[in-house]
N, C-alpha and C. Protein backbone atom coordinates (compact mmCIF):
# COMPACT_ATOMS: atom_id res chain seq x y z
N MET A 1 53.96 98.40 27.23
CA MET A 1 52.72 99.52 28.05
C MET A 1 53.44 99.74 29.73
N LEU A 2 53.69 98.70 30.18
CA LEU A 2 54.45 99.03 31.53
C LEU A 2 55.54 99.89 31.53
N LYS A 3 56.35 99.72 30.53
CA LYS A 3 57.55 100.49 30.39
C LYS A 3 57.21 101.96 30.20
N SER A 4 56.02 102.15 29.43
CA SER A 4 55.87 103.40 28.90
C SER A 4 55.13 104.17 30.50
N GLU A 5 54.43 103.35 31.11
CA GLU A 5 53.65 103.86 32.30
C GLU A 5 54.79 104.30 33.41
N HIS A 6 55.74 103.54 33.37
CA HIS A 6 57.02 103.62 34.64
C HIS A 6 57.60 104.92 34.21
N SER A 7 57.83 105.06 32.67
CA SER A 7 58.65 106.37 32.28
C SER A 7 57.89 107.63 32.45
N ASN A 8 56.37 107.29 32.28
CA ASN A 8 55.57 108.59 32.85
C ASN A 8 55.57 108.83 34.01
N SER A 9 55.42 107.86 35.07
CA SER A 9 55.32 108.10 36.31
C SER A 9 56.82 108.63 37.06
N SER A 10 57.93 108.25 36.24
CA SER A 10 59.17 108.93 36.78
C SER A 10 59.31 110.48 36.28
N LYS A 11 58.81 110.82 35.13
CA LYS A 11 58.77 112.07 34.63
C LYS A 11 57.82 112.93 35.49
N LEU A 12 56.84 112.45 35.95
CA LEU A 12 55.73 113.02 36.86
C LEU A 12 56.30 113.51 38.26
N LEU A 13 56.90 112.34 38.53
CA LEU A 13 57.69 112.64 39.81
C LEU A 13 58.73 113.76 39.84
N ILE A 14 59.60 113.61 38.84
CA ILE A 14 60.65 114.60 38.70
C ILE A 14 60.09 115.97 38.41
N GLY A 15 58.99 116.03 37.60
CA GLY A 15 58.40 117.40 37.49
C GLY A 15 57.81 117.98 38.56
N ALA A 16 57.11 116.91 39.66
CA ALA A 16 56.50 117.30 40.70
C ALA A 16 57.67 117.97 41.72
N VAL A 17 58.75 117.10 41.90
CA VAL A 17 59.66 117.68 42.80
C VAL A 17 60.31 119.02 42.29
N LEU A 18 60.84 119.19 41.18
CA LEU A 18 61.33 120.56 40.52
C LEU A 18 60.33 121.47 40.70
N ILE A 19 59.00 121.29 40.45
CA ILE A 19 58.15 122.52 40.91
C ILE A 19 58.06 122.55 42.15
N ILE A 20 58.07 121.80 43.15
CA ILE A 20 57.86 122.24 44.65
C ILE A 20 59.35 122.94 44.95
N ILE A 21 60.44 122.47 44.56
CA ILE A 21 61.76 123.10 44.83
C ILE A 21 61.73 124.53 44.27
N GLY A 22 61.14 124.79 43.05
CA GLY A 22 61.01 126.08 42.62
C GLY A 22 60.17 127.13 43.37
N VAL A 23 58.96 126.46 43.83
CA VAL A 23 58.22 127.14 44.56
C VAL A 23 58.81 127.72 45.79
N LEU A 24 59.35 126.60 46.49
CA LEU A 24 59.93 127.00 47.79
C LEU A 24 61.06 128.06 47.73
N PHE A 25 61.85 128.18 46.37
CA PHE A 25 62.93 129.09 46.27
C PHE A 25 62.06 130.46 46.16
N LEU A 26 60.99 130.59 45.51
CA LEU A 26 60.33 131.67 45.30
C LEU A 26 59.63 132.34 46.59
N LEU A 27 59.18 131.30 47.49
CA LEU A 27 58.94 131.75 48.89
C LEU A 27 59.71 132.14 49.73
N ARG A 28 60.91 131.82 49.61
CA ARG A 28 62.18 132.09 50.43
C ARG A 28 62.68 133.35 49.64
N SER A 29 62.78 133.79 48.41
CA SER A 29 63.18 134.92 48.10
C SER A 29 62.15 136.06 48.39
N PHE A 30 61.02 135.71 48.40
CA PHE A 30 59.96 136.82 48.82
C PHE A 30 59.92 136.91 50.43
N TYR A 31 60.58 136.09 51.21
CA TYR A 31 60.62 136.14 52.68
C TYR A 31 59.14 135.92 52.96
N ILE A 32 58.47 134.92 52.34
CA ILE A 32 57.09 134.38 52.66
C ILE A 32 57.45 133.27 53.60
N LEU A 33 58.22 132.54 53.37
CA LEU A 33 58.74 131.07 54.04
C LEU A 33 59.38 131.62 55.24
N PRO A 34 58.75 131.01 56.61
CA PRO A 34 59.66 131.54 57.60
C PRO A 34 60.85 130.94 57.84
N PHE A 35 61.84 131.60 58.42
CA PHE A 35 63.23 131.20 58.51
C PHE A 35 63.31 129.92 59.14
N GLU A 36 62.81 129.66 60.09
CA GLU A 36 62.89 128.35 60.78
C GLU A 36 62.41 127.23 59.85
N VAL A 37 61.57 127.06 59.11
CA VAL A 37 61.06 126.40 57.86
C VAL A 37 62.12 126.38 56.89
N SER A 38 62.67 127.56 56.38
CA SER A 38 63.64 127.63 55.26
C SER A 38 64.77 126.86 55.73
N HIS A 39 65.14 127.09 56.89
CA HIS A 39 66.45 126.40 57.42
C HIS A 39 66.38 124.84 57.35
N ILE A 40 65.44 124.44 57.65
CA ILE A 40 65.28 123.06 57.60
C ILE A 40 65.03 122.33 56.27
N ILE A 41 64.36 123.24 55.33
CA ILE A 41 64.17 122.79 53.92
C ILE A 41 65.50 122.70 53.06
N PHE A 42 65.89 123.95 53.25
CA PHE A 42 67.41 124.10 52.41
C PHE A 42 68.59 123.71 53.12
N SER A 43 68.54 122.31 53.52
CA SER A 43 69.69 121.74 54.04
C SER A 43 69.85 120.27 53.81
N TRP A 44 71.12 119.97 53.76
CA TRP A 44 71.45 118.84 53.33
C TRP A 44 70.98 117.46 54.06
N ARG A 45 70.42 117.69 55.22
CA ARG A 45 69.67 116.76 56.06
C ARG A 45 68.26 116.51 55.37
N PHE A 46 67.85 117.53 54.75
CA PHE A 46 66.32 117.48 54.25
C PHE A 46 66.66 116.62 52.99
N ILE A 47 67.65 117.02 52.17
CA ILE A 47 68.16 116.50 50.78
C ILE A 47 68.00 115.02 51.00
N LEU A 48 68.97 114.46 52.21
CA LEU A 48 69.21 113.13 52.48
C LEU A 48 67.78 112.35 52.63
N PHE A 49 67.02 113.01 53.37
CA PHE A 49 65.56 112.44 53.43
C PHE A 49 64.79 112.29 52.10
N ILE A 50 64.88 113.29 51.45
CA ILE A 50 64.08 113.24 50.16
C ILE A 50 64.65 112.43 49.31
N ILE A 51 66.09 112.17 49.08
CA ILE A 51 66.65 111.10 48.29
C ILE A 51 66.18 109.69 48.71
N GLY A 52 66.05 109.48 50.15
CA GLY A 52 65.44 108.27 50.54
C GLY A 52 63.95 108.03 50.13
N VAL A 53 63.15 108.87 50.21
CA VAL A 53 61.92 108.83 49.65
C VAL A 53 61.79 108.86 48.35
N ILE A 54 62.41 109.26 47.38
CA ILE A 54 62.53 108.86 46.09
C ILE A 54 62.82 107.53 45.68
N MET A 55 63.88 107.09 46.36
CA MET A 55 64.40 105.78 46.26
C MET A 55 63.35 104.77 46.69
N LEU A 56 62.58 104.84 47.60
CA LEU A 56 61.63 104.22 47.97
C LEU A 56 60.29 104.06 47.04
N VAL A 57 60.20 105.14 46.02
CA VAL A 57 58.96 105.09 45.20
C VAL A 57 59.53 104.57 43.89
N GLN A 58 60.81 105.03 43.53
CA GLN A 58 61.43 104.77 42.15
C GLN A 58 62.37 103.60 41.84
N SER A 59 62.91 103.26 43.00
CA SER A 59 63.99 102.18 42.92
C SER A 59 63.75 100.99 43.47
N ASP A 60 64.32 99.88 43.12
CA ASP A 60 64.20 98.37 43.70
C ASP A 60 64.97 98.39 44.97
N ASN A 61 65.82 99.16 45.15
CA ASN A 61 66.78 99.04 46.23
C ASN A 61 65.97 99.60 47.64
N LYS A 62 65.08 98.98 47.99
CA LYS A 62 64.32 99.61 49.08
C LYS A 62 64.99 99.66 50.42
N ILE A 63 65.91 98.68 50.67
CA ILE A 63 66.72 98.82 51.86
C ILE A 63 67.26 100.01 52.14
N LEU A 64 68.12 100.28 51.01
CA LEU A 64 69.05 101.47 50.96
C LEU A 64 68.09 102.91 50.97
N GLY A 65 66.85 102.81 50.40
CA GLY A 65 66.01 103.79 50.43
C GLY A 65 65.49 103.98 52.00
N ILE A 66 65.10 103.02 52.52
CA ILE A 66 64.64 103.03 54.20
C ILE A 66 65.87 103.77 54.95
N MET A 67 67.10 103.22 54.51
CA MET A 67 68.06 103.43 55.30
C MET A 67 68.50 105.24 55.21
N PHE A 68 68.29 105.72 54.02
CA PHE A 68 68.38 107.34 53.56
C PHE A 68 67.33 107.98 54.31
N THR A 69 66.17 107.52 54.06
CA THR A 69 64.90 108.04 54.85
C THR A 69 65.08 108.31 56.34
N ALA A 70 65.51 106.95 56.93
CA ALA A 70 65.52 107.06 58.54
C ALA A 70 66.71 107.94 58.98
N ILE A 71 67.97 107.94 57.99
CA ILE A 71 69.08 108.77 58.67
C ILE A 71 68.85 110.30 58.44
N GLY A 72 68.13 110.55 57.22
CA GLY A 72 67.69 112.02 57.06
C GLY A 72 66.68 112.43 58.31
N GLY A 73 65.74 111.62 58.68
CA GLY A 73 64.77 111.94 59.60
C GLY A 73 65.55 112.06 60.78
N ILE A 74 66.28 111.12 61.28
CA ILE A 74 67.14 111.31 62.56
C ILE A 74 67.96 112.74 62.62
N LEU A 75 68.52 113.11 61.61
CA LEU A 75 69.18 114.40 61.40
C LEU A 75 68.38 115.40 61.52
N LEU A 76 67.15 115.20 60.89
CA LEU A 76 66.10 116.48 60.89
C LEU A 76 65.55 116.55 62.48
N PHE A 77 65.54 115.54 63.15
CA PHE A 77 64.80 115.50 64.35
C PHE A 77 65.08 116.82 64.99
N PRO A 78 66.50 117.02 65.64
CA PRO A 78 66.82 118.24 66.47
C PRO A 78 66.68 119.38 65.79
N LYS A 79 66.54 119.39 64.48
CA LYS A 79 66.24 120.84 63.67
C LYS A 79 64.67 121.08 64.00
N ILE A 80 63.90 119.98 63.97
CA ILE A 80 62.45 120.41 64.07
C ILE A 80 62.20 120.58 65.50
N PHE A 81 62.84 120.02 66.34
CA PHE A 81 62.63 120.01 67.83
C PHE A 81 63.85 120.66 68.64
N PRO A 82 64.15 121.93 68.42
CA PRO A 82 65.37 122.33 68.62
C PRO A 82 65.85 122.15 70.28
N ASP A 83 64.80 121.92 71.18
CA ASP A 83 64.93 121.68 72.43
C ASP A 83 65.46 120.36 72.74
N ILE A 84 65.67 119.44 71.78
CA ILE A 84 66.07 118.00 71.85
C ILE A 84 67.46 117.99 71.30
N GLU A 85 68.53 117.58 71.93
CA GLU A 85 69.80 117.87 71.44
C GLU A 85 70.26 116.34 71.11
N ILE A 86 70.92 115.96 69.93
CA ILE A 86 71.68 114.71 69.65
C ILE A 86 72.87 115.08 69.41
N ASP A 87 73.79 114.30 69.94
CA ASP A 87 75.28 114.32 69.56
C ASP A 87 75.47 113.87 68.09
N GLY A 88 76.25 115.00 67.79
CA GLY A 88 76.76 114.91 66.29
C GLY A 88 77.60 113.57 66.08
N LYS A 89 78.33 113.12 66.86
CA LYS A 89 79.09 111.94 66.78
C LYS A 89 78.27 110.75 66.70
N LEU A 90 77.22 110.84 67.57
CA LEU A 90 76.35 109.70 67.62
C LEU A 90 75.53 109.51 66.08
N ILE A 91 75.27 110.74 65.48
CA ILE A 91 74.64 110.65 64.25
C ILE A 91 75.59 109.89 63.29
N TRP A 92 76.83 110.30 63.38
CA TRP A 92 77.57 110.00 62.33
C TRP A 92 78.07 108.67 62.56
N GLY A 93 78.29 108.18 63.67
CA GLY A 93 78.27 106.79 64.00
C GLY A 93 77.03 105.91 63.42
N LEU A 94 75.95 106.37 63.62
CA LEU A 94 74.83 105.63 63.20
C LEU A 94 74.88 105.29 61.54
N ILE A 95 75.19 106.64 60.89
CA ILE A 95 75.29 106.56 59.46
C ILE A 95 76.56 105.63 59.00
N ILE A 96 77.54 105.66 59.48
CA ILE A 96 78.73 104.56 59.07
C ILE A 96 78.30 103.12 59.37
N ILE A 97 77.80 103.01 60.80
CA ILE A 97 77.19 101.55 60.94
C ILE A 97 76.27 101.03 60.12
N SER A 98 75.31 102.15 59.74
CA SER A 98 74.04 101.75 58.80
C SER A 98 74.76 101.24 57.46
N LEU A 99 75.70 102.01 56.76
CA LEU A 99 76.22 101.74 55.62
C LEU A 99 77.12 100.37 55.88
N GLY A 100 77.64 100.13 56.89
CA GLY A 100 78.34 98.76 56.98
C GLY A 100 77.37 97.77 56.98
N ILE A 101 76.30 97.83 57.86
CA ILE A 101 75.42 96.92 57.84
C ILE A 101 74.68 96.54 56.32
N TYR A 102 74.46 97.70 55.61
CA TYR A 102 74.10 97.31 54.21
C TYR A 102 75.15 96.45 53.44
N ILE A 103 76.41 96.79 53.49
CA ILE A 103 77.26 96.05 52.52
C ILE A 103 77.44 94.68 53.08
N ILE A 104 77.27 94.43 54.10
CA ILE A 104 77.49 93.07 54.91
C ILE A 104 76.03 92.47 54.40
N PHE A 105 74.76 92.86 54.50
CA PHE A 105 73.70 92.40 54.22
C PHE A 105 73.63 92.04 52.71
N ARG A 106 74.33 92.79 51.75
CA ARG A 106 74.17 92.63 50.56
C ARG A 106 75.08 91.65 49.86
N SER A 107 76.18 91.36 50.81
CA SER A 107 77.09 90.56 50.32
C SER A 107 76.97 89.19 51.05
N SER A 108 76.37 89.24 52.26
CA SER A 108 75.86 87.74 52.82
C SER A 108 74.66 87.20 52.13
N GLY A 109 73.70 88.22 51.97
CA GLY A 109 72.37 87.74 51.63
C GLY A 109 72.28 87.58 50.07
N SER A 110 73.17 87.95 49.33
CA SER A 110 73.18 87.96 47.90
C SER A 110 73.23 86.58 47.14
N LYS A 111 72.60 86.37 46.27
CA LYS A 111 72.61 85.00 45.30
C LYS A 111 73.60 85.18 44.18
N PHE A 112 74.17 86.46 44.23
CA PHE A 112 75.28 86.36 43.16
C PHE A 112 76.55 85.99 43.30
N HIS A 113 76.60 84.56 43.37
CA HIS A 113 77.93 84.12 43.73
C HIS A 113 78.82 84.08 42.14
N SER A 114 80.14 84.11 42.34
CA SER A 114 81.18 84.09 41.37
C SER A 114 82.33 83.56 41.66
N LYS A 115 83.17 83.15 40.44
CA LYS A 115 84.38 82.56 40.78
C LYS A 115 85.45 83.13 39.98
N LEU A 116 86.58 83.42 40.40
CA LEU A 116 87.64 84.01 39.40
C LEU A 116 88.52 83.06 38.54
N ASP A 117 88.49 83.38 37.24
CA ASP A 117 89.40 82.69 36.29
C ASP A 117 90.56 83.21 36.43
N GLY A 118 91.36 82.41 37.01
CA GLY A 118 92.88 82.72 37.03
C GLY A 118 93.76 82.89 35.93
N SER A 119 93.34 82.45 34.81
CA SER A 119 93.89 82.63 33.28
C SER A 119 93.79 83.62 32.84
N THR A 120 92.44 84.29 33.27
CA THR A 120 92.17 85.64 32.52
C THR A 120 91.96 86.77 33.35
N GLY A 121 91.83 86.47 34.58
CA GLY A 121 91.54 87.50 35.61
C GLY A 121 90.05 87.94 35.77
N LYS A 122 89.24 87.30 34.89
CA LYS A 122 87.76 87.68 34.88
C LYS A 122 87.04 86.85 35.74
N LEU A 123 85.77 87.76 36.37
CA LEU A 123 84.99 86.85 37.26
C LEU A 123 83.97 86.23 36.42
N ASN A 124 83.56 84.93 36.74
CA ASN A 124 82.61 84.22 36.00
C ASN A 124 81.33 84.23 36.93
N ARG A 125 80.29 84.93 36.35
CA ARG A 125 78.91 85.34 37.07
C ARG A 125 77.97 85.60 36.04
N ASP A 126 76.66 85.05 36.39
CA ASP A 126 75.43 85.52 35.58
C ASP A 126 74.94 86.75 35.93
N TYR A 127 75.20 86.88 37.33
CA TYR A 127 74.61 88.03 37.98
C TYR A 127 75.69 88.88 38.38
N ILE A 128 75.55 90.14 38.64
CA ILE A 128 76.51 91.13 39.24
C ILE A 128 75.84 91.87 40.49
N ASP A 129 76.56 91.88 41.58
CA ASP A 129 75.98 92.92 42.82
C ASP A 129 77.17 93.75 43.20
N ASP A 130 77.51 94.89 42.78
CA ASP A 130 78.50 95.45 42.79
C ASP A 130 78.15 96.88 43.70
N VAL A 131 78.80 97.24 45.04
CA VAL A 131 78.68 98.30 45.69
C VAL A 131 79.79 99.14 45.91
N ALA A 132 79.66 100.18 45.45
CA ALA A 132 80.78 101.14 45.82
C ALA A 132 80.50 102.46 46.43
N ILE A 133 81.17 102.58 47.75
CA ILE A 133 80.89 103.65 48.49
C ILE A 133 81.97 104.24 49.08
N PHE A 134 82.23 105.43 48.91
CA PHE A 134 83.27 106.30 49.20
C PHE A 134 84.54 105.72 48.30
N GLY A 135 84.52 105.10 47.27
CA GLY A 135 85.49 104.40 46.38
C GLY A 135 85.08 103.69 45.21
N GLY A 136 85.78 102.87 44.81
CA GLY A 136 85.15 102.06 43.45
C GLY A 136 86.45 101.37 43.16
N GLY A 137 86.32 100.98 41.52
CA GLY A 137 87.22 100.10 40.96
C GLY A 137 86.57 99.61 39.61
N GLU A 138 87.42 98.49 39.20
CA GLU A 138 87.01 98.08 37.91
C GLU A 138 87.00 96.57 37.86
N LYS A 139 86.15 95.92 37.16
CA LYS A 139 85.58 94.45 37.14
C LYS A 139 85.41 94.01 35.80
N VAL A 140 86.06 93.14 35.50
CA VAL A 140 85.78 92.42 34.14
C VAL A 140 84.86 91.23 34.44
N ILE A 141 83.89 91.29 34.01
CA ILE A 141 82.81 89.94 34.01
C ILE A 141 82.76 89.20 32.85
N SER A 142 82.90 87.72 33.01
CA SER A 142 82.89 86.74 32.14
C SER A 142 81.56 85.84 32.20
N SER A 143 80.63 85.89 31.24
CA SER A 143 79.32 85.12 31.57
C SER A 143 78.90 84.73 30.04
N SER A 144 78.54 83.42 30.05
CA SER A 144 77.61 82.79 28.77
C SER A 144 76.21 83.18 28.98
N SER A 145 75.73 83.56 30.20
CA SER A 145 74.43 83.91 30.29
C SER A 145 74.16 85.00 31.11
N PHE A 146 74.45 86.19 30.81
CA PHE A 146 74.43 87.40 31.71
C PHE A 146 72.87 87.72 31.97
N LYS A 147 72.58 88.00 33.10
CA LYS A 147 71.22 88.05 33.50
C LYS A 147 70.79 89.62 34.28
N GLY A 148 71.78 90.26 34.40
CA GLY A 148 71.70 91.52 35.17
C GLY A 148 71.92 91.52 36.60
N GLY A 149 71.39 92.30 37.54
CA GLY A 149 71.92 92.31 38.81
C GLY A 149 71.64 93.61 39.43
N ASN A 150 72.44 94.20 40.33
CA ASN A 150 72.32 95.38 40.96
C ASN A 150 73.81 96.22 41.09
N ILE A 151 73.91 97.52 40.73
CA ILE A 151 75.09 98.28 40.89
C ILE A 151 74.69 99.36 41.75
N THR A 152 75.61 99.54 42.90
CA THR A 152 75.33 100.71 43.74
C THR A 152 76.37 101.75 43.87
N ALA A 153 76.17 102.72 43.44
CA ALA A 153 77.34 103.71 43.74
C ALA A 153 77.27 105.10 44.68
N ILE A 154 77.71 105.16 45.71
CA ILE A 154 77.49 106.32 46.68
C ILE A 154 78.48 106.93 47.00
N PHE A 155 78.87 108.10 46.41
CA PHE A 155 79.96 109.01 46.70
C PHE A 155 81.25 108.06 46.22
N GLY A 156 81.13 107.39 45.10
CA GLY A 156 82.09 106.57 44.45
C GLY A 156 81.60 106.09 43.20
N GLY A 157 82.19 105.25 42.58
CA GLY A 157 81.90 104.63 41.35
C GLY A 157 82.89 103.28 40.84
N SER A 158 82.25 102.91 39.84
CA SER A 158 83.07 101.72 39.20
C SER A 158 82.81 101.69 37.97
N GLU A 159 83.68 100.71 37.16
CA GLU A 159 83.56 100.45 35.79
C GLU A 159 83.51 98.98 35.61
N ILE A 160 82.29 98.71 35.18
CA ILE A 160 82.16 97.10 34.88
C ILE A 160 82.06 96.91 33.31
N ASP A 161 83.10 95.98 33.19
CA ASP A 161 83.26 95.62 31.76
C ASP A 161 82.44 94.13 31.59
N LEU A 162 81.39 94.27 30.54
CA LEU A 162 80.83 93.01 30.36
C LEU A 162 80.88 92.77 29.13
N SER A 163 81.80 93.23 28.28
CA SER A 163 82.29 92.99 26.74
C SER A 163 82.66 91.36 26.39
N SER A 164 83.02 90.87 27.58
CA SER A 164 83.26 89.29 27.20
C SER A 164 82.08 88.39 27.50
N CYS A 165 80.73 89.15 27.90
CA CYS A 165 79.63 88.41 28.38
C CYS A 165 78.47 88.04 27.13
N LYS A 166 77.82 87.08 27.29
CA LYS A 166 76.63 86.87 26.39
C LYS A 166 75.50 87.13 26.98
N LEU A 167 74.56 87.70 26.53
CA LEU A 167 73.45 88.09 27.35
C LEU A 167 72.56 86.98 27.21
N ALA A 168 71.68 86.61 28.46
CA ALA A 168 70.64 85.70 28.35
C ALA A 168 69.44 86.06 27.46
N GLU A 169 68.76 84.95 27.27
CA GLU A 169 67.55 85.28 26.35
C GLU A 169 66.64 86.01 27.06
N GLY A 170 65.76 86.94 26.42
CA GLY A 170 64.66 87.44 27.04
C GLY A 170 64.92 88.86 27.56
N ASN A 171 64.33 89.37 28.52
CA ASN A 171 64.73 90.52 29.32
C ASN A 171 65.53 90.43 30.62
N ASN A 172 66.49 91.22 30.58
CA ASN A 172 67.49 90.87 31.87
C ASN A 172 67.65 92.61 32.23
N VAL A 173 67.24 92.65 33.71
CA VAL A 173 67.28 93.81 34.37
C VAL A 173 68.52 94.30 35.26
N LEU A 174 69.09 95.13 34.91
CA LEU A 174 70.28 95.74 35.72
C LEU A 174 69.92 97.02 36.49
N ASN A 175 69.93 96.80 37.82
CA ASN A 175 69.41 97.82 38.72
C ASN A 175 70.48 98.79 39.03
N ILE A 176 70.45 100.08 38.79
CA ILE A 176 71.39 101.09 39.17
C ILE A 176 70.63 102.12 40.31
N THR A 177 71.80 102.29 41.15
CA THR A 177 71.54 103.36 42.29
C THR A 177 72.71 104.31 42.55
N ALA A 178 72.69 105.41 41.78
CA ALA A 178 73.78 106.27 41.70
C ALA A 178 73.63 107.56 42.45
N ILE A 179 74.16 107.92 43.46
CA ILE A 179 73.82 109.02 44.43
C ILE A 179 75.29 109.52 44.70
N PHE A 180 75.47 110.86 44.09
CA PHE A 180 76.64 111.57 44.32
C PHE A 180 77.88 110.52 43.79
N GLY A 181 77.46 109.81 43.07
CA GLY A 181 78.67 109.01 42.10
C GLY A 181 77.95 108.42 40.92
N GLY A 182 78.71 107.43 40.33
CA GLY A 182 78.31 106.87 39.07
C GLY A 182 79.11 105.59 38.65
N SER A 183 78.53 105.12 37.57
CA SER A 183 79.31 103.79 37.13
C SER A 183 79.12 103.75 35.48
N THR A 184 80.18 103.32 35.03
CA THR A 184 80.43 103.08 33.43
C THR A 184 80.29 101.51 33.21
N ILE A 185 79.32 101.33 32.28
CA ILE A 185 79.03 99.83 31.95
C ILE A 185 79.62 99.62 30.53
N ILE A 186 80.39 98.80 30.30
CA ILE A 186 80.84 98.17 29.07
C ILE A 186 80.30 97.29 28.40
N VAL A 187 79.39 97.19 27.27
CA VAL A 187 78.83 96.17 26.82
C VAL A 187 79.26 95.79 25.29
N PRO A 188 78.96 94.67 24.74
CA PRO A 188 79.24 94.37 23.41
C PRO A 188 78.24 95.28 22.72
N ARG A 189 78.65 95.59 21.33
CA ARG A 189 77.88 96.37 20.41
C ARG A 189 76.73 95.83 20.14
N ASP A 190 76.43 94.58 20.02
CA ASP A 190 75.46 93.87 19.47
C ASP A 190 74.25 93.82 20.54
N TRP A 191 74.44 94.08 21.73
CA TRP A 191 73.51 94.02 22.62
C TRP A 191 72.56 95.13 22.78
N ASN A 192 71.05 94.67 22.79
CA ASN A 192 69.89 95.51 22.92
C ASN A 192 69.90 96.01 24.27
N VAL A 193 69.76 97.31 24.19
CA VAL A 193 70.26 97.98 25.75
C VAL A 193 69.07 99.26 25.86
N LEU A 194 68.23 99.11 26.96
CA LEU A 194 67.05 100.00 27.10
C LEU A 194 67.33 100.68 28.46
N LEU A 195 67.36 101.95 28.43
CA LEU A 195 67.49 102.84 29.70
C LEU A 195 66.20 103.32 30.24
N ASN A 196 66.12 103.08 31.61
CA ASN A 196 64.65 103.51 32.34
C ASN A 196 65.33 103.92 33.65
N VAL A 197 66.21 104.74 33.45
CA VAL A 197 66.77 105.46 34.83
C VAL A 197 66.14 106.83 35.13
N THR A 198 65.63 106.90 36.45
CA THR A 198 65.10 108.16 36.73
C THR A 198 66.23 109.25 37.29
N PRO A 199 66.28 110.25 36.65
CA PRO A 199 67.42 111.18 36.85
C PRO A 199 66.93 112.43 37.65
N LEU A 200 67.61 112.76 38.81
CA LEU A 200 67.25 114.09 39.81
C LEU A 200 68.73 114.69 39.95
N PHE A 201 68.99 115.83 39.00
CA PHE A 201 70.23 116.38 39.05
C PHE A 201 71.32 115.45 38.71
N GLY A 202 71.19 114.69 37.72
CA GLY A 202 71.93 113.66 37.33
C GLY A 202 71.57 113.21 36.13
N GLY A 203 72.08 112.13 35.71
CA GLY A 203 71.87 111.36 34.44
C GLY A 203 72.47 110.29 34.08
N PHE A 204 71.90 109.52 33.21
CA PHE A 204 72.50 108.31 32.64
C PHE A 204 72.35 108.04 31.33
N SER A 205 73.38 107.88 30.52
CA SER A 205 73.41 108.05 28.99
C SER A 205 73.75 106.86 28.15
N ASN A 206 73.33 106.51 27.08
CA ASN A 206 73.59 105.47 26.03
C ASN A 206 74.62 106.01 25.10
N LYS A 207 75.85 105.44 25.18
CA LYS A 207 76.72 106.10 24.25
C LYS A 207 77.41 104.77 23.27
N ILE A 208 76.58 103.88 23.13
CA ILE A 208 76.86 102.85 22.15
C ILE A 208 76.94 103.26 20.95
N ARG A 209 78.21 103.14 20.08
CA ARG A 209 78.18 103.58 18.86
C ARG A 209 77.98 102.60 17.79
N ARG A 210 77.08 102.55 16.86
CA ARG A 210 76.94 101.69 15.66
C ARG A 210 76.71 102.22 14.38
N GLU A 211 76.98 101.59 13.55
CA GLU A 211 76.48 102.11 11.94
C GLU A 211 75.03 101.87 11.76
N PRO A 212 74.46 102.59 11.12
CA PRO A 212 73.13 102.39 10.79
C PRO A 212 72.61 101.22 10.18
N THR A 213 73.54 100.52 9.62
CA THR A 213 73.11 99.19 9.08
C THR A 213 73.47 98.08 10.05
N PHE A 214 74.05 98.18 11.28
CA PHE A 214 74.40 97.35 12.22
C PHE A 214 73.07 96.58 12.73
N VAL A 215 73.10 95.14 12.83
CA VAL A 215 71.98 94.54 13.27
C VAL A 215 72.34 94.26 14.69
N VAL A 216 71.11 94.52 15.80
CA VAL A 216 71.14 94.37 17.05
C VAL A 216 70.35 93.11 17.40
N ASP A 217 70.74 92.21 18.09
CA ASP A 217 69.86 90.94 18.54
C ASP A 217 68.61 91.63 19.33
N GLN A 218 67.53 91.45 18.78
CA GLN A 218 66.26 91.97 19.40
C GLN A 218 65.68 90.82 20.61
N SER A 219 66.15 89.51 20.40
CA SER A 219 65.82 88.46 21.35
C SER A 219 66.40 88.41 22.81
N ARG A 220 67.25 89.43 22.89
CA ARG A 220 68.19 89.27 24.28
C ARG A 220 68.14 90.95 24.38
N THR A 221 67.54 91.33 25.72
CA THR A 221 67.77 92.83 26.04
C THR A 221 68.19 92.99 27.45
N LEU A 222 69.05 94.00 27.46
CA LEU A 222 69.32 94.33 28.79
C LEU A 222 68.78 95.95 29.25
N ILE A 223 67.80 95.67 30.49
CA ILE A 223 67.14 96.86 30.70
C ILE A 223 67.71 97.52 31.99
N ILE A 224 68.22 98.83 31.76
CA ILE A 224 68.84 99.25 32.75
C ILE A 224 68.01 100.34 33.50
N LYS A 225 67.64 99.99 34.74
CA LYS A 225 66.67 101.08 35.39
C LYS A 225 67.09 101.27 36.94
N GLY A 226 66.49 102.38 37.65
CA GLY A 226 66.90 102.78 38.64
C GLY A 226 66.85 104.23 38.82
N VAL A 227 67.73 104.97 39.67
CA VAL A 227 67.82 106.15 40.24
C VAL A 227 69.19 106.81 39.86
N ALA A 228 69.32 108.03 39.35
CA ALA A 228 70.35 108.81 39.59
C ALA A 228 70.34 110.20 40.05
N ILE A 229 70.75 110.14 41.28
CA ILE A 229 70.47 111.53 42.04
C ILE A 229 71.89 112.31 42.50
N PHE A 230 72.22 113.20 41.76
CA PHE A 230 73.22 113.99 41.97
C PHE A 230 74.60 113.23 41.39
N GLY A 231 74.10 112.47 40.45
CA GLY A 231 75.33 111.30 39.94
C GLY A 231 74.62 110.85 38.64
N GLY A 232 75.25 109.67 38.40
CA GLY A 232 74.94 109.23 36.97
C GLY A 232 75.83 108.02 36.48
N GLY A 233 75.94 108.17 35.07
CA GLY A 233 76.76 107.15 34.47
C GLY A 233 76.46 107.10 33.06
N GLU A 234 77.16 106.12 32.43
CA GLU A 234 77.04 105.60 31.17
C GLU A 234 77.14 104.23 30.73
N VAL A 235 76.51 103.74 29.74
CA VAL A 235 76.73 102.51 29.30
C VAL A 235 77.35 102.79 27.69
N LYS A 236 78.42 101.87 27.37
CA LYS A 236 79.16 102.29 26.02
C LYS A 236 79.70 100.90 25.67
N SER A 237 80.31 100.80 24.55
CA SER A 237 81.02 99.56 23.95
C SER A 237 82.34 100.19 23.67
N TYR A 238 83.36 99.21 23.57
CA TYR A 238 84.64 99.69 23.15
C TYR A 238 84.91 100.21 21.64
N TYR A 239 83.75 99.63 20.92
CA TYR A 239 84.29 100.04 19.48
C TYR A 239 82.78 100.07 18.66
């Protein structure tokens, strides 16, 4: 029931955003929307602000949502109040510093500790906390009781190989935040995977291939939830 309610709320949000965008385009095409307002709304600054708001509503990654909303608001400020000038270098400095603080906060405050197995090159961990900003890479995870975690991809991406993991019993949540980036997650074929990712000009797909007679372990479930904004990803298996 909760999953159905969350799915419906996600669809309502996406539908509302698309309707508003469509109405604004119509108003602009008929020259009903004032130029000053149109110049603000149809800008990447406003898009950044809206991304932050959507993340605050739909994603568990509230810290990143607050950062995007704040940065978008700061960038919009001189556009709304043209008499007030803000140095562009100062703004970009704040953006870069904010991303740096976010990465440090996630790494130092995270409970997702791991150790490297020298013989296999695999990371032994039950949780994952992967952040790919303006870059990315590949990670092979090994766990006898994988319980989920967080994956963040902003203007970057990563490939997370969970094929050597065993899923913990019950529901295990993996939060995805994909903004102008994406992630590929590789899982064993017998995992029961449920997708609950809210897409906005993006998407996240399930490409696990199984025969119709293949038996899936229903006692263990990986729930992939989050947002995909101008980005996305996929979950798949090797065979």
